């Protein structure tokens, strides 16, 4: 079992992007938006097989430009193995000399971080790692299904995974997760939720917390189930699932954030601030938690505290555009004209083209302020 939860969670919670570790930004195609996470993600995908080191750099910058996205975080995990097929094969075989390496443990923490953003993040690059093995890989039914998933044939993959689970529900328990991934890709969240429910029921019957990795725990599956209910606007069910996730693991801070979002949507700013404050306290190096905490504090009419939260987000992720808007709005609200203009201008320097509407509003506000 690859359960190294203490080390993984410690790394996930305390690891912050360090300037000294920043790789150079790889070149982008002509016309690509250098402020957009998707530009670097696409660049990483195109380099993944032949130039994995360059791909890793591209995924790094993709994650820095928008730390809310799970895709580049997961891609960084995959690119670690793309650099060395031998390490990947040893990892699959649970070989101790690889599993105990600090670099491997740190890399595994990236999956936890990605799942905290989205437990159903697409794992196509992982499929690419398997495909690179060619004849060295045992191409059984599960691998055939996973390959179809990676190629975007989600419905076929779901059928194949379902057949394997029915043939041996105990041995193939983990495949319920993979079937849920395929069902999410096929836009069938209700069926995906049913798979996660059955996975959780099996773990409860065995009195087990996980099917292997720390990111395959009951707490993570409850969090994932809550997200699926959220998508279906089943608010009460989502809230209950998030609460169960926290009962399973108090360190599951994204569940606090999810409860905060539900509270904000219901207009309960006091509850939202409480949930987000717990998330930010549990994950002091997670810029997204501080940013969302700032939003809750702003909604609660606490601009000075919101400003501090937005500033903390920027200390951690200075390349991320949106927190500059939050800083500008709070400075604006507090009557600090020059500081507001400076923050708004900093946003415009970093804003991707996909945020054109927000950029237009920010320019209009700068003009109103006389900037």
Protein backbone atom coordinates (compact mmCIF):
# COMPACT_ATOMS: atom_id res chain seq x y z
CA UNK A 1 0.00 0.00 0.00
CA UNK A 2 1.27 3.45 -0.88
CA UNK A 3 -0.07 5.12 2.24
CA UNK A 4 2.32 7.79 3.39
CA UNK A 5 -0.36 10.17 4.57
CA UNK A 6 1.63 12.05 7.19
CA UNK A 7 4.43 12.97 4.80
CA UNK A 8 2.10 13.64 1.89
CA UNK A 9 -0.24 15.89 3.82
CA UNK A 10 2.64 17.74 5.42
CA UNK A 11 4.14 18.41 2.01
CA UNK A 12 0.78 19.38 0.55
CA UNK A 13 0.09 21.87 3.32
CA UNK A 14 3.47 23.51 3.74
CA UNK A 15 4.88 23.46 0.22
CA UNK A 16 4.88 26.94 -1.30
CA UNK A 17 6.19 28.03 -4.68
CA UNK A 18 9.71 29.31 -4.21
CA UNK A 19 11.24 31.82 -6.59
CA UNK A 20 14.58 30.02 -6.40
CA UNK A 21 12.93 26.92 -7.82
CA UNK A 22 11.21 28.63 -10.74
CA UNK A 23 12.11 27.17 -14.13
CA UNK A 24 12.35 29.58 -17.06
CA UNK A 25 9.13 30.15 -18.94
CA UNK A 26 9.14 28.07 -22.12
CA UNK A 27 8.40 29.84 -25.41
CA UNK A 28 4.81 29.91 -26.61
CA UNK A 29 3.48 29.84 -30.17
CA UNK A 30 2.97 33.19 -31.87
CA UNK A 31 -0.27 34.78 -30.71
CA UNK A 32 -0.60 32.70 -27.55
CA UNK A 33 -1.61 34.56 -24.39
CA UNK A 34 1.33 34.51 -21.97
CA UNK A 35 -1.04 35.42 -19.12
CA UNK A 36 -3.31 32.42 -19.68
CA UNK A 37 -2.78 29.13 -17.85
CA UNK A 38 -4.22 27.29 -20.84
CA UNK A 39 -1.44 28.54 -23.12
CA UNK A 40 1.25 26.98 -20.97
CA UNK A 41 -0.82 23.87 -20.38
CA UNK A 42 -1.17 23.34 -24.13
CA UNK A 43 2.57 23.94 -24.54
CA UNK A 44 3.26 21.31 -21.89
CA UNK A 45 0.99 18.77 -23.53
CA UNK A 46 2.73 19.24 -26.87
CA UNK A 47 6.15 18.63 -25.28
CA UNK A 48 5.16 15.88 -22.84
CA UNK A 49 6.44 12.84 -24.74
CA UNK A 50 9.59 14.17 -26.42
CA UNK A 51 10.64 16.99 -24.10
CA UNK A 52 9.30 16.19 -20.62
CA UNK A 53 11.59 18.67 -18.83
CA UNK A 54 10.23 21.51 -20.96
CA UNK A 55 6.73 20.16 -20.40
CA UNK A 56 7.26 20.23 -16.64
CA UNK A 57 8.30 23.89 -16.85
CA UNK A 58 5.22 24.74 -18.91
CA UNK A 59 2.93 22.98 -16.44
CA UNK A 60 4.65 24.77 -13.57
CA UNK A 61 3.85 28.15 -15.09
CA UNK A 62 0.35 27.08 -15.97
CA UNK A 63 -0.26 26.27 -12.32
CA UNK A 64 1.23 29.57 -11.16
CA UNK A 65 -0.95 31.64 -13.48
CA UNK A 66 -4.15 30.04 -12.17
CA UNK A 67 -3.69 27.98 -9.01
CA UNK A 68 -7.41 27.15 -8.92
CA UNK A 69 -6.95 24.65 -11.76
CA UNK A 70 -6.29 20.99 -11.06
CA UNK A 71 -5.08 20.12 -14.56
CA UNK A 72 -1.58 21.66 -14.45
CA UNK A 73 -0.96 20.37 -10.93
CA UNK A 74 -1.78 16.83 -12.02
CA UNK A 75 0.29 17.34 -15.17
CA UNK A 76 3.32 18.27 -13.06
CA UNK A 77 2.96 14.92 -11.28
CA UNK A 78 2.86 13.07 -14.61
CA UNK A 79 5.80 14.98 -16.10
CA UNK A 80 8.01 13.85 -13.19
CA UNK A 81 7.66 10.27 -14.45
CA UNK A 82 7.80 11.20 -18.13
CA UNK A 83 11.44 12.14 -17.58
CA UNK A 84 12.37 8.56 -16.65
CA UNK A 85 10.45 5.46 -17.74
CA UNK A 86 12.40 3.37 -15.26
CA UNK A 87 11.19 5.45 -12.33
CA UNK A 88 7.61 5.14 -13.56
CA UNK A 89 7.82 1.35 -13.83
CA UNK A 90 9.45 1.09 -10.39
CA UNK A 91 6.71 3.31 -9.00
CA UNK A 92 4.02 1.06 -10.45
CA UNK A 93 5.73 -1.93 -8.89
CA UNK A 94 5.94 -0.28 -5.45
CA UNK A 95 9.71 -0.72 -5.38
CA UNK A 96 10.88 0.65 -2.01
CA UNK A 97 14.01 2.41 -3.29
CA UNK A 98 11.79 4.61 -5.47
CA UNK A 99 8.79 4.94 -3.16
CA UNK A 100 10.97 6.22 -0.29
CA UNK A 101 12.78 8.87 -2.29
CA UNK A 102 11.94 12.39 -1.05
CA UNK A 103 11.43 13.46 -4.67
CA UNK A 104 8.84 10.71 -5.21
CA UNK A 105 7.02 11.56 -1.99
CA UNK A 106 6.99 15.26 -2.88
CA UNK A 107 5.72 14.44 -6.35
CA UNK A 108 2.90 12.31 -4.94
CA UNK A 109 1.77 15.32 -2.91
CA UNK A 110 0.88 16.98 -6.21
CA UNK A 111 -1.94 14.49 -6.80
CA UNK A 112 -3.38 15.32 -3.40
CA UNK A 113 -3.24 19.02 -4.27
CA UNK A 114 -4.85 18.38 -7.65
CA UNK A 115 -7.63 16.32 -6.08
CA UNK A 116 -8.24 19.09 -3.55
CA UNK A 117 -9.05 21.29 -6.53
CA UNK A 118 -11.00 18.66 -8.48
CA UNK A 119 -11.11 14.94 -7.62
CA UNK A 120 -12.29 14.26 -11.17
CA UNK A 121 -9.42 15.99 -12.96
CA UNK A 122 -8.77 14.37 -16.32
CA UNK A 123 -5.87 11.91 -16.16
CA UNK A 124 -5.03 11.68 -19.84
CA UNK A 125 -1.33 12.34 -19.30
CA UNK A 126 -1.18 9.38 -16.93
CA UNK A 127 -2.63 7.28 -19.74
CA UNK A 128 0.26 8.59 -21.85
CA UNK A 129 2.74 7.25 -19.31
CA UNK A 130 1.22 3.80 -19.59
CA UNK A 131 1.12 3.96 -23.38
CA UNK A 132 4.86 4.74 -23.48
CA UNK A 133 5.54 1.35 -21.90
CA UNK A 134 4.24 -0.46 -24.98
CA UNK A 135 4.87 -4.20 -24.90
CA UNK A 136 6.31 -3.98 -21.37
CA UNK A 137 2.80 -3.35 -20.06
CA UNK A 138 0.19 -6.00 -19.37
CA UNK A 139 -2.65 -4.73 -21.55
CA UNK A 140 -5.53 -6.23 -19.61
CA UNK A 141 -9.14 -5.09 -19.59
CA UNK A 142 -8.52 -2.30 -17.09
CA UNK A 143 -5.73 -0.81 -19.19
CA UNK A 144 -7.87 -1.00 -22.33
CA UNK A 145 -10.63 0.88 -20.52
CA UNK A 146 -8.17 3.46 -19.16
CA UNK A 147 -6.76 3.99 -22.65
CA UNK A 148 -10.26 4.68 -23.98
CA UNK A 149 -10.77 7.11 -21.11
CA UNK A 150 -7.53 8.91 -21.97
CA UNK A 151 -8.57 9.17 -25.61
CA UNK A 152 -11.88 10.77 -24.64
CA UNK A 153 -14.13 7.77 -25.33
CA UNK A 154 -15.71 8.14 -21.92
CA UNK A 155 -18.88 6.15 -22.51
CA UNK A 156 -17.00 3.12 -23.78
CA UNK A 157 -14.55 3.34 -20.89
CA UNK A 158 -17.42 3.51 -18.40
CA UNK A 159 -18.97 0.37 -19.88
CA UNK A 160 -15.64 -1.47 -19.75
CA UNK A 161 -14.88 -0.44 -16.17
CA UNK A 162 -18.42 -1.40 -15.16
CA UNK A 163 -18.01 -4.87 -16.62
CA UNK A 164 -14.76 -5.39 -14.70
CA UNK A 165 -16.32 -4.27 -11.42
CA UNK A 166 -19.29 -6.59 -11.87
CA UNK A 167 -16.98 -9.52 -12.60
CA UNK A 168 -15.06 -9.06 -9.34
CA UNK A 169 -16.41 -6.24 -7.10
CA UNK A 170 -13.91 -6.89 -4.30
CA UNK A 171 -10.72 -7.15 -6.33
CA UNK A 172 -11.70 -4.32 -8.67
CA UNK A 173 -13.05 -1.92 -6.05
CA UNK A 174 -10.63 0.83 -7.12
CA UNK A 175 -12.08 0.67 -10.63
CA UNK A 176 -15.29 2.22 -9.32
CA UNK A 177 -13.27 5.42 -9.04
CA UNK A 178 -12.06 5.10 -12.62
CA UNK A 179 -15.60 4.41 -13.80
CA UNK A 180 -16.71 7.56 -11.97
CA UNK A 181 -13.97 9.50 -13.79
CA UNK A 182 -15.27 8.21 -17.11
CA UNK A 183 -18.88 9.00 -16.19
CA UNK A 184 -17.95 12.57 -15.26
CA UNK A 185 -16.26 12.88 -18.64
CA UNK A 186 -19.45 11.54 -20.24
CA UNK A 187 -21.44 14.21 -18.34
CA UNK A 188 -23.32 11.69 -16.22
CA UNK A 189 -22.77 13.09 -12.70
CA UNK A 190 -25.67 11.14 -11.20
CA UNK A 191 -24.18 7.82 -12.31
CA UNK A 192 -20.73 8.94 -11.17
CA UNK A 193 -22.17 9.76 -7.74
CA UNK A 194 -23.68 6.27 -7.56
CA UNK A 195 -20.23 4.75 -8.19
CA UNK A 196 -18.63 6.83 -5.45
CA UNK A 197 -21.45 5.89 -3.07
CA UNK A 198 -20.83 2.19 -3.72
CA UNK A 199 -17.08 2.69 -3.26
CA UNK A 200 -17.70 4.37 0.09
CA UNK A 201 -20.13 1.64 1.15
CA UNK A 202 -17.50 -1.02 0.43
CA UNK A 203 -14.86 0.84 2.43
CA UNK A 204 -17.25 1.23 5.36
CA UNK A 205 -18.13 -2.47 5.30
CA UNK A 206 -14.42 -3.30 5.49
CA UNK A 207 -13.78 -0.59 8.08
CA UNK A 208 -11.01 0.75 5.86
CA UNK A 209 -10.10 4.40 5.34
CA UNK A 210 -8.58 4.10 1.87
CA UNK A 211 -8.13 1.80 -1.11
CA UNK A 212 -4.43 2.62 -1.26
CA UNK A 213 -3.11 6.13 -1.67
CA UNK A 214 -3.89 8.95 0.74
CA UNK A 215 -5.84 10.66 -2.05
CA UNK A 216 -8.05 7.55 -2.30
CA UNK A 217 -9.42 7.91 1.23
CA UNK A 218 -13.01 7.95 2.44
CA UNK A 219 -12.58 11.63 3.24
CA UNK A 220 -11.58 12.36 -0.36
CA UNK A 221 -14.45 10.30 -1.75
CA UNK A 222 -16.96 12.12 0.47
CA UNK A 223 -15.52 15.41 -0.77
CA UNK A 224 -15.78 14.16 -4.35
CA UNK A 225 -19.36 13.06 -3.77
CA UNK A 226 -20.18 16.51 -2.43
CA UNK A 227 -18.79 18.10 -5.59
CA UNK A 228 -20.97 15.84 -7.75
CA UNK A 229 -24.04 16.78 -5.72
CA UNK A 230 -23.04 20.43 -6.06
CA UNK A 231 -23.07 20.08 -9.84
CA UNK A 232 -26.57 18.65 -9.65
CA UNK A 233 -27.69 21.49 -7.34
CA UNK A 234 -28.45 18.99 -4.60
CA UNK A 235 -27.33 21.44 -1.95
CA UNK A 236 -28.43 19.54 1.15
CA UNK A 237 -26.79 16.33 -0.05
CA UNK A 238 -23.61 18.22 -0.96
CA UNK A 239 -23.43 19.83 2.46
CA UNK A 240 -23.90 16.48 4.19
CA UNK A 241 -21.13 14.89 2.10
CA UNK A 242 -18.70 17.73 2.85
CA UNK A 243 -19.48 17.43 6.55
CA UNK A 244 -18.85 13.67 6.44
CA UNK A 245 -15.51 14.35 4.74
CA UNK A 246 -14.49 16.47 7.71
CA UNK A 247 -15.66 13.81 10.16
CA UNK A 248 -13.38 11.35 8.35
CA UNK A 249 -10.44 13.75 8.24
CA UNK A 250 -10.30 17.16 9.89
CA UNK A 251 -7.38 18.03 7.58
CA UNK A 252 -9.69 17.88 4.54
CA UNK A 253 -9.66 21.67 4.28
CA UNK A 254 -11.23 21.89 0.79
CA UNK A 255 -14.43 20.61 2.41
CA UNK A 256 -14.42 23.70 4.64
CA UNK A 257 -14.03 25.86 1.54
CA UNK A 258 -16.86 24.02 -0.20
CA UNK A 259 -19.11 24.57 2.82
CA UNK A 260 -18.10 28.22 2.71
CA UNK A 261 -19.21 28.48 -0.92
CA UNK A 262 -22.57 26.93 -0.05
CA UNK A 263 -22.98 29.37 2.83
CA UNK A 264 -22.17 32.34 0.59
CA UNK A 265 -24.68 31.16 -1.99
CA UNK A 266 -27.30 31.02 0.78
CA UNK A 267 -26.41 34.54 1.94
CA UNK A 268 -24.99 33.35 5.27
CA UNK A 269 -21.80 35.40 5.32
CA UNK A 270 -21.03 34.63 8.96
CA UNK A 271 -20.98 30.89 8.29
CA UNK A 272 -18.98 31.45 5.11
CA UNK A 273 -16.31 33.45 6.93
CA UNK A 274 -16.07 30.77 9.61
CA UNK A 275 -15.63 27.95 7.08
CA UNK A 276 -13.10 29.84 4.99
CA UNK A 277 -11.13 30.94 8.03
CA UNK A 278 -10.79 27.29 9.03
CA UNK A 279 -9.71 26.37 5.49
CA UNK A 280 -7.09 29.13 5.39
CA UNK A 281 -5.82 28.24 8.85
CA UNK A 282 -5.50 24.57 7.90
CA UNK A 283 -3.73 25.41 4.62
CA UNK A 284 -1.64 28.54 5.26
CA UNK A 285 0.35 28.06 2.03
CA UNK A 286 -2.70 27.66 -0.23
CA UNK A 287 -3.30 30.95 -2.02
CA UNK A 288 -6.72 29.87 -3.25
CA UNK A 289 -7.99 29.44 0.30
CA UNK A 290 -6.81 32.94 1.25
CA UNK A 291 -8.35 34.41 -1.90
CA UNK A 292 -11.72 32.80 -1.24
CA UNK A 293 -11.47 33.77 2.43
CA UNK A 294 -11.02 37.34 1.23
CA UNK A 295 -14.18 37.07 -0.85
CA UNK A 296 -16.17 35.88 2.16
CA UNK A 297 -14.79 38.67 4.35
CA UNK A 298 -15.65 41.21 1.66
CA UNK A 299 -19.21 39.89 1.43
CA UNK A 300 -19.44 40.17 5.22
CA UNK A 301 -18.48 43.86 5.08
CA UNK A 302 -15.01 43.44 6.58
CA UNK A 303 -12.78 45.17 4.00
CA UNK A 304 -9.58 45.51 6.05
CA UNK A 305 -9.56 41.81 6.86
CA UNK A 306 -10.45 40.96 3.28
CA UNK A 307 -7.55 43.10 2.09
CA UNK A 308 -5.17 41.15 4.32
CA UNK A 309 -6.46 37.85 2.94
CA UNK A 310 -6.07 39.01 -0.67
CA UNK A 311 -2.56 40.26 0.06
CA UNK A 312 -1.64 36.91 1.55
CA UNK A 313 -2.89 35.20 -1.60
CA UNK A 314 -0.62 37.45 -3.66
CA UNK A 315 2.37 36.81 -1.43
CA UNK A 316 1.98 33.15 -2.33
CA UNK A 317 0.96 33.54 -5.98
CA UNK A 318 2.08 36.94 -7.35
CA UNK A 319 1.48 35.87 -10.98
CA UNK A 320 -2.20 35.14 -10.38
CA UNK A 321 -4.31 38.01 -11.71
CA UNK A 322 -7.60 37.86 -9.82
CA UNK A 323 -6.39 38.66 -6.28
CA UNK A 324 -5.20 42.05 -7.57
CA UNK A 325 -8.82 42.89 -8.32
CA UNK A 326 -9.74 42.01 -4.75
CA UNK A 327 -6.95 44.21 -3.39
CA UNK A 328 -8.04 47.05 -5.66
CA UNK A 329 -11.68 46.77 -4.66
CA UNK A 330 -10.89 46.79 -0.95
CA UNK A 331 -8.51 49.75 -1.27
CA UNK A 332 -11.17 51.47 -3.35
CA UNK A 333 -13.82 50.80 -0.73
CA UNK A 334 -11.52 52.13 1.99
CA UNK A 335 -10.98 55.37 0.06
CA UNK A 336 -7.34 54.73 -0.83
CA UNK A 337 -7.41 55.95 -4.41
CA UNK A 338 -3.73 55.62 -5.35
CA UNK A 339 -3.44 52.14 -3.85
CA UNK A 340 -6.61 51.02 -5.62
CA UNK A 341 -5.39 52.29 -8.99
CA UNK A 342 -2.02 50.57 -8.51
CA UNK A 343 -3.70 47.25 -7.74
CA UNK A 344 -6.08 47.56 -10.67
CA UNK A 345 -3.20 48.31 -13.02
CA UNK A 346 -1.28 45.33 -11.67
CA UNK A 347 -4.30 43.20 -12.51
CA UNK A 348 -4.44 44.50 -16.08
CA UNK A 349 -0.77 43.62 -16.56
CA UNK A 350 -1.51 40.03 -15.61
CA UNK A 351 -5.07 39.51 -16.86
CA UNK A 352 -5.57 36.80 -19.49
CA UNK A 353 -7.69 37.59 -22.52
CA UNK A 354 -10.35 35.23 -21.23
CA UNK A 355 -11.08 37.79 -18.49
CA UNK A 356 -11.95 40.53 -20.97
CA UNK A 357 -15.17 41.54 -19.19
CA UNK A 358 -13.45 41.92 -15.84
CA UNK A 359 -10.62 43.86 -17.48
CA UNK A 360 -13.13 46.22 -19.10
CA UNK A 361 -14.78 46.94 -15.75
CA UNK A 362 -11.39 47.49 -14.12
CA UNK A 363 -10.33 49.96 -16.84
CA UNK A 364 -13.60 51.83 -16.37
CA UNK A 365 -13.02 52.06 -12.63
CA UNK A 366 -9.47 53.32 -13.13
CA UNK A 367 -10.84 56.03 -15.42
CA UNK A 368 -13.45 57.00 -12.84
CA UNK A 369 -10.74 57.27 -10.20
CA UNK A 370 -8.73 59.49 -12.53
CA UNK A 371 -5.93 57.02 -13.12
